[in-house]
Amino acid sequence: MIVTVCMDAAGAIWIANGQGALLAECFFKAEDETEDELRLMGYHRLLTVYPAAHLAAGTVLEPGELGELFVDGGPARRP
């Protein structure tokens, strides 16, 4: 499964499958947050949620940044 991670000019980040269906929103952790705190709140790293997926960096993102993203567990709200 190919998953594309995109970010728009406003900084919103989301994941879409190969057909363009939105899967979830993503975010970078803030400097004052720890990975453990985020995990306790139900957020997980993108690479943990989609370990078998072929990740592709879409607009604005660099491939190296994908490992720093966390997935919002709720449904994506991008149009």
C-alpha atoms as a PDB file:
ATOM      1  CA  MET A   1       0.000   0.000   0.000  1.00  0.00           C
ATOM      2  CA  ILE A   2       1.366   3.400  -0.919  1.00  0.00           C
ATOM      3  CA  VAL A   3       0.685   6.165   1.589  1.00  0.00           C
ATOM      4  CA  THR A   4       1.468   9.768   0.683  1.00  0.00           C
ATOM      5  CA  VAL A   5       2.067  12.324   3.408  1.00  0.00           C
ATOM      6  CA  CYS A   6       1.338  15.912   2.373  1.00  0.00           C
ATOM      7  CA  MET A   7       1.520  19.336   3.973  1.00  0.00           C
ATOM      8  CA  ASP A   8      -0.210  22.464   2.701  1.00  0.00           C
ATOM      9  CA  ALA A   9       0.991  26.070   2.901  1.00  0.00           C
ATOM     10  CA  ALA A  10      -0.880  26.561   6.188  1.00  0.00           C
ATOM     11  CA  GLY A  11       1.047  23.688   7.811  1.00  0.00           C
ATOM     12  CA  ALA A  12      -1.756  21.102   7.900  1.00  0.00           C
ATOM     13  CA  ILE A  13      -0.369  17.580   7.400  1.00  0.00           C
ATOM     14  CA  TRP A  14      -2.380  14.551   6.284  1.00  0.00           C
ATOM     15  CA  ILE A  15      -2.010  11.003   4.907  1.00  0.00           C
ATOM     16  CA  ALA A  16      -3.719   9.795   1.731  1.00  0.00           C
ATOM     17  CA  ASN A  17      -3.705   6.348   0.173  1.00  0.00           C
ATOM     18  CA  GLY A  18      -2.796   5.665  -3.466  1.00  0.00           C
ATOM     19  CA  GLN A  19      -6.339   6.446  -4.585  1.00  0.00           C
ATOM     20  CA  GLY A  20      -6.279   9.804  -2.814  1.00  0.00           C
ATOM     21  CA  ALA A  21      -8.603   8.829   0.068  1.00  0.00           C
ATOM     22  CA  LEU A  22      -7.677  10.672   3.250  1.00  0.00           C
ATOM     23  CA  LEU A  23      -6.646   8.375   6.074  1.00  0.00           C
ATOM     24  CA  ALA A  24      -5.623  10.614   8.983  1.00  0.00           C
ATOM     25  CA  GLU A  25      -4.084  13.906  10.006  1.00  0.00           C
ATOM     26  CA  CYS A  26      -0.499  14.105  11.248  1.00  0.00           C
ATOM     27  CA  PHE A  27       1.577  16.542  13.265  1.00  0.00           C
ATOM     28  CA  PHE A  28       5.079  17.207  14.549  1.00  0.00           C
ATOM     29  CA  LYS A  29       5.492  17.101  18.322  1.00  0.00           C
ATOM     30  CA  ALA A  30       6.067  20.412  20.051  1.00  0.00           C
ATOM     31  CA  GLU A  31       9.405  21.080  21.730  1.00  0.00           C
ATOM     32  CA  ASP A  32       7.819  20.828  25.185  1.00  0.00           C
ATOM     33  CA  GLU A  33       6.178  17.437  24.476  1.00  0.00           C
ATOM     34  CA  THR A  34       7.778  14.034  24.845  1.00  0.00           C
ATOM     35  CA  GLU A  35       7.080  10.950  22.786  1.00  0.00           C
ATOM     36  CA  ASP A  36       5.906   9.145  25.935  1.00  0.00           C
ATOM     37  CA  GLU A  37       3.368  11.897  26.701  1.00  0.00           C
ATOM     38  CA  LEU A  38       2.005  11.748  23.171  1.00  0.00           C
ATOM     39  CA  ARG A  39       1.772   7.959  23.282  1.00  0.00           C
ATOM     40  CA  LEU A  40      -0.191   8.169  26.561  1.00  0.00           C
ATOM     41  CA  MET A  41      -2.616  10.543  24.828  1.00  0.00           C
ATOM     42  CA  GLY A  42      -3.118   7.985  22.050  1.00  0.00           C
ATOM     43  CA  TYR A  43      -0.814   9.406  19.392  1.00  0.00           C
ATOM     44  CA  HIS A  44       1.749   7.188  17.680  1.00  0.00           C
ATOM     45  CA  ARG A  45       4.613   7.777  15.272  1.00  0.00           C
ATOM     46  CA  LEU A  46       3.672   7.494  11.613  1.00  0.00           C
ATOM     47  CA  LEU A  47       6.292   4.784  11.093  1.00  0.00           C
ATOM     48  CA  THR A  48       4.720   2.718  13.875  1.00  0.00           C
ATOM     49  CA  VAL A  49       1.171   3.025  12.534  1.00  0.00           C
ATOM     50  CA  TYR A  50       2.151   2.252   8.929  1.00  0.00           C
ATOM     51  CA  PRO A  51       5.191  -0.053   9.245  1.00  0.00           C
ATOM     52  CA  ALA A  52       4.529  -2.037   6.056  1.00  0.00           C
ATOM     53  CA  ALA A  53       3.384   0.879   3.949  1.00  0.00           C
ATOM     54  CA  HIS A  54       5.524   2.455   1.317  1.00  0.00           C
ATOM     55  CA  LEU A  55       5.676   6.030   2.516  1.00  0.00           C
ATOM     56  CA  ALA A  56       6.029   8.854   0.054  1.00  0.00           C
ATOM     57  CA  ALA A  57       6.655  12.464   0.994  1.00  0.00           C
ATOM     58  CA  GLY A  58       4.196  14.659  -0.870  1.00  0.00           C
ATOM     59  CA  THR A  59       4.209  18.403  -1.194  1.00  0.00           C
ATOM     60  CA  VAL A  60       6.440  20.495   1.078  1.00  0.00           C
ATOM     61  CA  LEU A  61       7.752  17.564   3.199  1.00  0.00           C
ATOM     62  CA  GLU A  62      11.198  15.998   2.941  1.00  0.00           C
ATOM     63  CA  PRO A  63      11.422  12.178   3.156  1.00  0.00           C
ATOM     64  CA  GLY A  64      13.604  12.453   6.271  1.00  0.00           C
ATOM     65  CA  GLU A  65      10.819  14.277   8.138  1.00  0.00           C
ATOM     66  CA  LEU A  66       8.397  11.345   7.909  1.00  0.00           C
ATOM     67  CA  GLY A  67       9.981   9.628  10.917  1.00  0.00           C
ATOM     68  CA  GLU A  68       9.259  12.669  13.075  1.00  0.00           C
ATOM     69  CA  LEU A  69       5.500  12.718  12.407  1.00  0.00           C
ATOM     70  CA  PHE A  70       2.768  11.533  14.758  1.00  0.00           C
ATOM     71  CA  VAL A  71      -0.646  10.328  13.583  1.00  0.00           C
ATOM     72  CA  ASP A  72      -3.861  11.828  14.938  1.00  0.00           C
ATOM     73  CA  GLY A  73      -6.095   8.855  15.696  1.00  0.00           C
ATOM     74  CA  GLY A  74      -9.256  10.624  14.523  1.00  0.00           C
ATOM     75  CA  PRO A  75     -10.554  10.739  10.975  1.00  0.00           C
ATOM     76  CA  ALA A  76      -8.968  13.149   8.548  1.00  0.00           C
ATOM     77  CA  ARG A  77     -10.849  16.389   8.045  1.00  0.00           C
ATOM     78  CA  ARG A  78      -9.100  17.695   4.935  1.00  0.00           C
ATOM     79  CA  PRO A  79     -11.387  18.425   1.977  1.00  0.00           C
END
